[in-house]
Amino acid sequence: MLRFVDHPTPLELPLFTSTVPAGFPSPADDHIEGKLDLNEHLVRRPAATFFVRAAGESMRGAGIFDGDLLVIDRGITPQPDDIVIAVVHGELTVKRLQRVNGAWQLAAENPNFPTLRIRDDGCEIWGVVTHSIRRHCGR
């Protein structure tokens, strides 16, 4: 069941002014610039936003990998080439929305997966993917 929140509780965390090179940071660079609330950067319409976890490999070419957390905005009108969450015959899927020769389709971003033709029966676009969040450190 999806639950929407009108106004997420702010969670402000420290934002440091220094960038982080792949080496060792200088202790002199430990200056806090201010507070950062990721909701301000990731959520434009709180009442229309939800999160899902990606499963599978069909969107690797778009940089969406198994286990990524996707931010979905239902308040955006889907346009050609948007990555969307759709319900196809009762199943959720994430695909690229395309218009080819006047017909709509949901395209995978991995050649090992098929493109799904959108017909009037059994397909509904739930929202547009606005961000993908990946856990890199293996935790």
C-alpha atoms as a PDB file:
ATOM      1  CA  MET A   1       0.000   0.000   0.000  1.00  0.00           C
ATOM      2  CA  LEU A   2       1.331   3.440  -0.932  1.00  0.00           C
ATOM      3  CA  ARG A   3       1.246   6.156   1.704  1.00  0.00           C
ATOM      4  CA  PHE A   4       1.710   9.798   0.810  1.00  0.00           C
ATOM      5  CA  VAL A   5       2.855  12.470   3.231  1.00  0.00           C
ATOM      6  CA  ASP A   6       1.923  16.114   2.613  1.00  0.00           C
ATOM      7  CA  HIS A   7       4.950  17.577   4.354  1.00  0.00           C
ATOM      8  CA  PRO A   8       7.879  15.318   5.253  1.00  0.00           C
ATOM      9  CA  THR A   9       9.542  16.001   8.564  1.00  0.00           C
ATOM     10  CA  PRO A  10      12.760  17.941   7.887  1.00  0.00           C
ATOM     11  CA  LEU A  11      15.938  15.994   8.546  1.00  0.00           C
ATOM     12  CA  GLU A  12      18.771  18.459   8.345  1.00  0.00           C
ATOM     13  CA  LEU A  13      22.262  16.973   8.417  1.00  0.00           C
ATOM     14  CA  PRO A  14      25.649  18.749   8.328  1.00  0.00           C
ATOM     15  CA  LEU A  15      26.950  19.873   4.933  1.00  0.00           C
ATOM     16  CA  PHE A  16      30.695  20.470   4.828  1.00  0.00           C
ATOM     17  CA  THR A  17      32.176  23.158   2.567  1.00  0.00           C
ATOM     18  CA  SER A  18      35.072  21.023   1.427  1.00  0.00           C
ATOM     19  CA  THR A  19      34.877  18.579  -1.430  1.00  0.00           C
ATOM     20  CA  VAL A  20      36.161  15.081  -0.792  1.00  0.00           C
ATOM     21  CA  PRO A  21      38.991  13.889  -3.032  1.00  0.00           C
ATOM     22  CA  ALA A  22      39.705  10.189  -3.324  1.00  0.00           C
ATOM     23  CA  GLY A  23      42.759  10.727  -1.096  1.00  0.00           C
ATOM     24  CA  PHE A  24      42.987  12.074   2.450  1.00  0.00           C
ATOM     25  CA  PRO A  25      41.107  15.284   3.326  1.00  0.00           C
ATOM     26  CA  SER A  26      42.921  18.104   5.052  1.00  0.00           C
ATOM     27  CA  PRO A  27      41.911  18.625   8.705  1.00  0.00           C
ATOM     28  CA  ALA A  28      41.823  22.366   7.944  1.00  0.00           C
ATOM     29  CA  ASP A  29      38.869  21.787   5.594  1.00  0.00           C
ATOM     30  CA  ASP A  30      36.499  20.653   8.351  1.00  0.00           C
ATOM     31  CA  HIS A  31      34.189  23.651   8.074  1.00  0.00           C
ATOM     32  CA  ILE A  32      30.461  23.125   8.164  1.00  0.00           C
ATOM     33  CA  GLU A  33      28.691  25.130   5.458  1.00  0.00           C
ATOM     34  CA  GLY A  34      25.238  24.614   6.905  1.00  0.00           C
ATOM     35  CA  LYS A  35      22.500  22.035   7.115  1.00  0.00           C
ATOM     36  CA  LEU A  36      21.249  19.937   4.224  1.00  0.00           C
ATOM     37  CA  ASP A  37      17.789  18.359   4.013  1.00  0.00           C
ATOM     38  CA  LEU A  38      17.676  15.866   1.148  1.00  0.00           C
ATOM     39  CA  ASN A  39      13.892  16.303   0.941  1.00  0.00           C
ATOM     40  CA  GLU A  40      14.545  19.797  -0.447  1.00  0.00           C
ATOM     41  CA  HIS A  41      16.645  18.313  -3.270  1.00  0.00           C
ATOM     42  CA  LEU A  42      14.793  15.085  -4.011  1.00  0.00           C
ATOM     43  CA  VAL A  43      11.125  15.850  -3.297  1.00  0.00           C
ATOM     44  CA  ARG A  44       9.411  18.693  -5.180  1.00  0.00           C
ATOM     45  CA  ARG A  45       5.801  17.656  -4.522  1.00  0.00           C
ATOM     46  CA  PRO A  46       5.618  15.778  -1.209  1.00  0.00           C
ATOM     47  CA  ALA A  47       1.956  14.821  -1.574  1.00  0.00           C
ATOM     48  CA  ALA A  48       2.659  13.245  -4.982  1.00  0.00           C
ATOM     49  CA  THR A  49       6.006  11.593  -4.216  1.00  0.00           C
ATOM     50  CA  PHE A  50       6.744   8.018  -3.234  1.00  0.00           C
ATOM     51  CA  PHE A  51       9.736   5.687  -3.213  1.00  0.00           C
ATOM     52  CA  VAL A  52      10.210   2.202  -4.640  1.00  0.00           C
ATOM     53  CA  ARG A  53      13.157  -0.148  -4.728  1.00  0.00           C
ATOM     54  CA  ALA A  54      14.284  -1.280  -8.196  1.00  0.00           C
ATOM     55  CA  ALA A  55      14.593  -5.010  -8.796  1.00  0.00           C
ATOM     56  CA  GLY A  56      16.306  -6.633 -11.744  1.00  0.00           C
ATOM     57  CA  GLU A  57      18.619  -5.592 -14.532  1.00  0.00           C
ATOM     58  CA  SER A  58      16.316  -4.194 -17.247  1.00  0.00           C
ATOM     59  CA  MET A  59      17.304  -0.526 -16.678  1.00  0.00           C
ATOM     60  CA  ARG A  60      21.092  -0.833 -16.289  1.00  0.00           C
ATOM     61  CA  GLY A  61      21.698   1.286 -19.391  1.00  0.00           C
ATOM     62  CA  ALA A  62      19.865   4.163 -17.705  1.00  0.00           C
ATOM     63  CA  GLY A  63      21.992   3.823 -14.568  1.00  0.00           C
ATOM     64  CA  ILE A  64      19.281   2.098 -12.525  1.00  0.00           C
ATOM     65  CA  PHE A  65      20.545  -1.047 -10.831  1.00  0.00           C
ATOM     66  CA  ASP A  66      19.032  -3.816  -8.735  1.00  0.00           C
ATOM     67  CA  GLY A  67      18.399  -2.471  -5.232  1.00  0.00           C
ATOM     68  CA  ASP A  68      18.448   1.234  -6.142  1.00  0.00           C
ATOM     69  CA  LEU A  69      15.909   3.422  -4.378  1.00  0.00           C
ATOM     70  CA  LEU A  70      13.804   5.333  -6.918  1.00  0.00           C
ATOM     71  CA  VAL A  71      12.073   8.644  -6.206  1.00  0.00           C
ATOM     72  CA  ILE A  72       8.775   8.796  -8.095  1.00  0.00           C
ATOM     73  CA  ASP A  73       6.732  11.961  -8.685  1.00  0.00           C
ATOM     74  CA  ARG A  74       3.087  11.367  -9.612  1.00  0.00           C
ATOM     75  CA  GLY A  75       2.596  15.102 -10.181  1.00  0.00           C
ATOM     76  CA  ILE A  76       4.671  15.154 -13.369  1.00  0.00           C
ATOM     77  CA  THR A  77       2.921  14.522 -16.672  1.00  0.00           C
ATOM     78  CA  PRO A  78       4.936  11.754 -18.370  1.00  0.00           C
ATOM     79  CA  GLN A  79       6.685  12.789 -21.585  1.00  0.00           C
ATOM     80  CA  PRO A  80       8.454  10.711 -24.240  1.00  0.00           C
ATOM     81  CA  ASP A  81      11.875   9.535 -22.995  1.00  0.00           C
ATOM     82  CA  ASP A  82      10.930   9.884 -19.306  1.00  0.00           C
ATOM     83  CA  ILE A  83      11.661   6.896 -17.107  1.00  0.00           C
ATOM     84  CA  VAL A  84       8.360   5.908 -15.538  1.00  0.00           C
ATOM     85  CA  ILE A  85       6.791   3.493 -13.111  1.00  0.00           C
ATOM     86  CA  ALA A  86       3.938   1.711 -14.859  1.00  0.00           C
ATOM     87  CA  VAL A  87       1.452  -0.969 -13.966  1.00  0.00           C
ATOM     88  CA  VAL A  88       1.241  -3.519 -16.767  1.00  0.00           C
ATOM     89  CA  HIS A  89      -1.421  -6.191 -16.216  1.00  0.00           C
ATOM     90  CA  GLY A  90      -1.256  -5.678 -12.451  1.00  0.00           C
ATOM     91  CA  GLU A  91       2.552  -5.739 -12.189  1.00  0.00           C
ATOM     92  CA  LEU A  92       4.780  -2.721 -11.459  1.00  0.00           C
ATOM     93  CA  THR A  93       7.663  -2.073 -13.841  1.00  0.00           C
ATOM     94  CA  VAL A  94      10.189   0.695 -14.430  1.00  0.00           C
ATOM     95  CA  LYS A  95      10.875   1.484 -18.096  1.00  0.00           C
ATOM     96  CA  ARG A  96      11.551   4.350 -20.504  1.00  0.00           C
ATOM     97  CA  LEU A  97       8.384   5.775 -22.055  1.00  0.00           C
ATOM     98  CA  GLN A  98       8.721   6.097 -25.835  1.00  0.00           C
ATOM     99  CA  ARG A  99       6.523   7.114 -28.735  1.00  0.00           C
ATOM    100  CA  VAL A 100       7.437   5.275 -31.943  1.00  0.00           C
ATOM    101  CA  ASN A 101       5.428   5.686 -35.152  1.00  0.00           C
ATOM    102  CA  GLY A 102       2.527   7.118 -33.177  1.00  0.00           C
ATOM    103  CA  ALA A 103       2.397   4.205 -30.717  1.00  0.00           C
ATOM    104  CA  TRP A 104       3.452   4.273 -27.064  1.00  0.00           C
ATOM    105  CA  GLN A 105       5.835   1.706 -25.626  1.00  0.00           C
ATOM    106  CA  LEU A 106       7.821   0.964 -22.484  1.00  0.00           C
ATOM    107  CA  ALA A 107      11.436   0.265 -23.362  1.00  0.00           C
ATOM    108  CA  ALA A 108      14.024  -1.527 -21.283  1.00  0.00           C
ATOM    109  CA  GLU A 109      17.536  -0.076 -21.138  1.00  0.00           C
ATOM    110  CA  ASN A 110      19.127  -3.502 -21.457  1.00  0.00           C
ATOM    111  CA  PRO A 111      19.115  -5.402 -24.787  1.00  0.00           C
ATOM    112  CA  ASN A 112      18.356  -8.660 -22.948  1.00  0.00           C
ATOM    113  CA  PHE A 113      14.842  -7.417 -22.071  1.00  0.00           C
ATOM    114  CA  PRO A 114      11.881  -6.829 -24.386  1.00  0.00           C
ATOM    115  CA  THR A 115      10.106  -3.584 -25.179  1.00  0.00           C
ATOM    116  CA  LEU A 116       6.488  -3.595 -23.994  1.00  0.00           C
ATOM    117  CA  ARG A 117       3.864  -2.169 -26.326  1.00  0.00           C
ATOM    118  CA  ILE A 118       1.270  -0.092 -24.489  1.00  0.00           C
ATOM    119  CA  ARG A 119      -2.274  -1.026 -25.329  1.00  0.00           C
ATOM    120  CA  ASP A 120      -5.495   0.430 -23.994  1.00  0.00           C
ATOM    121  CA  ASP A 121      -6.003  -2.614 -21.797  1.00  0.00           C
ATOM    122  CA  GLY A 122      -3.895  -3.186 -18.747  1.00  0.00           C
ATOM    123  CA  CYS A 123      -1.342  -0.333 -18.618  1.00  0.00           C
ATOM    124  CA  GLU A 124      -1.289   2.693 -16.340  1.00  0.00           C
ATOM    125  CA  ILE A 125       1.591   5.131 -15.751  1.00  0.00           C
ATOM    126  CA  TRP A 126       1.932   5.735 -12.014  1.00  0.00           C
ATOM    127  CA  GLY A 127       4.629   8.394 -12.060  1.00  0.00           C
ATOM    128  CA  VAL A 128       7.935   9.675 -13.371  1.00  0.00           C
ATOM    129  CA  VAL A 129      11.266   8.625 -11.861  1.00  0.00           C
ATOM    130  CA  THR A 130      13.055  11.800 -10.786  1.00  0.00           C
ATOM    131  CA  HIS A 131      16.050  10.318  -8.928  1.00  0.00           C
ATOM    132  CA  SER A 132      17.834   7.038  -8.364  1.00  0.00           C
ATOM    133  CA  ILE A 133      19.738   6.532  -5.124  1.00  0.00           C
ATOM    134  CA  ARG A 134      22.358   3.798  -4.987  1.00  0.00           C
ATOM    135  CA  ARG A 135      24.185   2.342  -2.031  1.00  0.00           C
ATOM    136  CA  HIS A 136      27.825   2.099  -3.148  1.00  0.00           C
ATOM    137  CA  CYS A 137      29.627   0.875  -0.075  1.00  0.00           C
ATOM    138  CA  GLY A 138      28.133  -2.599   0.004  1.00  0.00           C
ATOM    139  CA  ARG A 139      26.362  -2.099   3.332  1.00  0.00           C
END
